Amino acid sequence: MVVKLEFLTREDPGWDRAWQAIADEFGSYDCRNAEYSESWQYMGTVIEGEGGRHQFRHRALPPTNARRSVEYPVKPGDFLPR
């Protein structure tokens, strides 16, 4: 199986949907940590066959300042044609 890394752009329909998944799970799009000036970061999208996953990380998620990574499944139509 071919695995490749893609990146959503702000114009892609999946951009807002993926960030909304962060807000739905954690209550905020950024979960800003004022002490460390950290917030959620989009790391890219791993595409595997017909599916894939959008990857995000936070290096100091409040209130515990823990490092956290999350993934959300790619949905059909997340990317505009390239």
Protein backbone atom coordinates (compact mmCIF):
# COMPACT_ATOMS: atom_id res chain seq x y z
CA MET A 1 0.00 0.00 0.00
CA VAL A 2 1.29 3.43 -0.91
CA VAL A 3 1.39 5.91 1.97
CA LYS A 4 1.83 9.61 1.27
CA LEU A 5 1.77 12.84 3.20
CA GLU A 6 -0.54 15.64 2.07
CA PHE A 7 -1.38 19.01 3.59
CA LEU A 8 -4.79 20.65 3.78
CA THR A 9 -4.90 24.27 2.68
CA ARG A 10 -7.35 26.81 4.08
CA GLU A 11 -9.28 26.52 0.80
CA ASP A 12 -9.83 22.77 1.17
CA PRO A 13 -13.26 21.79 2.54
CA GLY A 14 -11.57 19.51 5.08
CA TRP A 15 -9.68 22.40 6.73
CA ASP A 16 -12.67 23.73 8.68
CA ARG A 17 -14.02 20.25 9.36
CA ALA A 18 -10.73 19.01 10.83
CA TRP A 19 -10.34 22.08 13.05
CA GLN A 20 -13.97 21.77 14.13
CA ALA A 21 -13.18 18.22 15.30
CA ILE A 22 -10.52 19.72 17.61
CA ALA A 23 -13.03 22.25 18.97
CA ASP A 24 -15.69 19.56 19.46
CA GLU A 25 -13.33 17.32 21.42
CA PHE A 26 -11.41 19.93 23.42
CA GLY A 27 -13.74 22.93 23.55
CA SER A 28 -11.49 25.28 21.57
CA TYR A 29 -9.72 25.50 18.22
CA ASP A 30 -6.41 26.33 19.84
CA CYS A 31 -6.50 25.49 23.60
CA ARG A 32 -3.80 28.13 24.03
CA ASN A 33 -1.38 27.55 26.85
CA ALA A 34 -0.37 31.05 28.02
CA GLU A 35 2.55 29.81 30.10
CA TYR A 36 4.29 28.08 27.17
CA SER A 37 2.66 29.95 24.24
CA GLU A 38 1.54 26.66 22.74
CA SER A 39 -1.61 25.75 20.84
CA TRP A 40 -2.85 23.01 18.50
CA GLN A 41 -0.76 22.52 15.35
CA TYR A 42 -1.83 20.75 12.17
CA MET A 43 0.98 18.34 11.25
CA GLY A 44 -0.35 17.04 7.93
CA THR A 45 -2.53 14.29 6.56
CA VAL A 46 -1.40 10.72 6.02
CA ILE A 47 -3.14 9.16 3.00
CA GLU A 48 -3.29 5.36 2.86
CA GLY A 49 -5.17 3.86 -0.06
CA GLU A 50 -8.68 5.32 -0.11
CA GLY A 51 -8.51 6.57 3.48
CA GLY A 52 -6.30 8.62 5.70
CA ARG A 53 -6.06 10.70 8.83
CA HIS A 54 -5.46 14.34 9.68
CA GLN A 55 -2.81 14.67 12.41
CA PHE A 56 -2.59 17.37 15.08
CA ARG A 57 -0.35 17.92 18.09
CA HIS A 58 -0.29 20.13 21.16
CA ARG A 59 2.98 20.37 23.09
CA ALA A 60 1.49 21.65 26.38
CA LEU A 61 -2.25 21.00 26.54
CA PRO A 62 -3.91 22.74 29.50
CA PRO A 63 -4.56 22.09 32.32
CA THR A 64 -1.84 19.41 32.71
CA ASN A 65 0.67 20.80 30.16
CA ALA A 66 0.83 17.30 28.66
CA ARG A 67 1.97 16.64 25.11
CA ARG A 68 -0.98 15.32 23.07
CA SER A 69 -1.45 14.03 19.53
CA VAL A 70 -4.80 13.33 17.88
CA GLU A 71 -5.95 12.05 14.52
CA TYR A 72 -9.23 12.49 12.68
CA PRO A 73 -10.29 10.43 9.66
CA VAL A 74 -10.20 11.92 6.18
CA LYS A 75 -13.68 12.29 4.72
CA PRO A 76 -14.51 12.19 1.00
CA GLY A 77 -14.20 15.71 -0.40
CA ASP A 78 -11.78 16.99 2.26
CA PHE A 79 -9.27 17.94 -0.46
CA LEU A 80 -9.91 20.02 -3.56
CA PRO A 81 -8.59 18.38 -6.74
CA ARG A 82 -4.82 18.88 -7.03
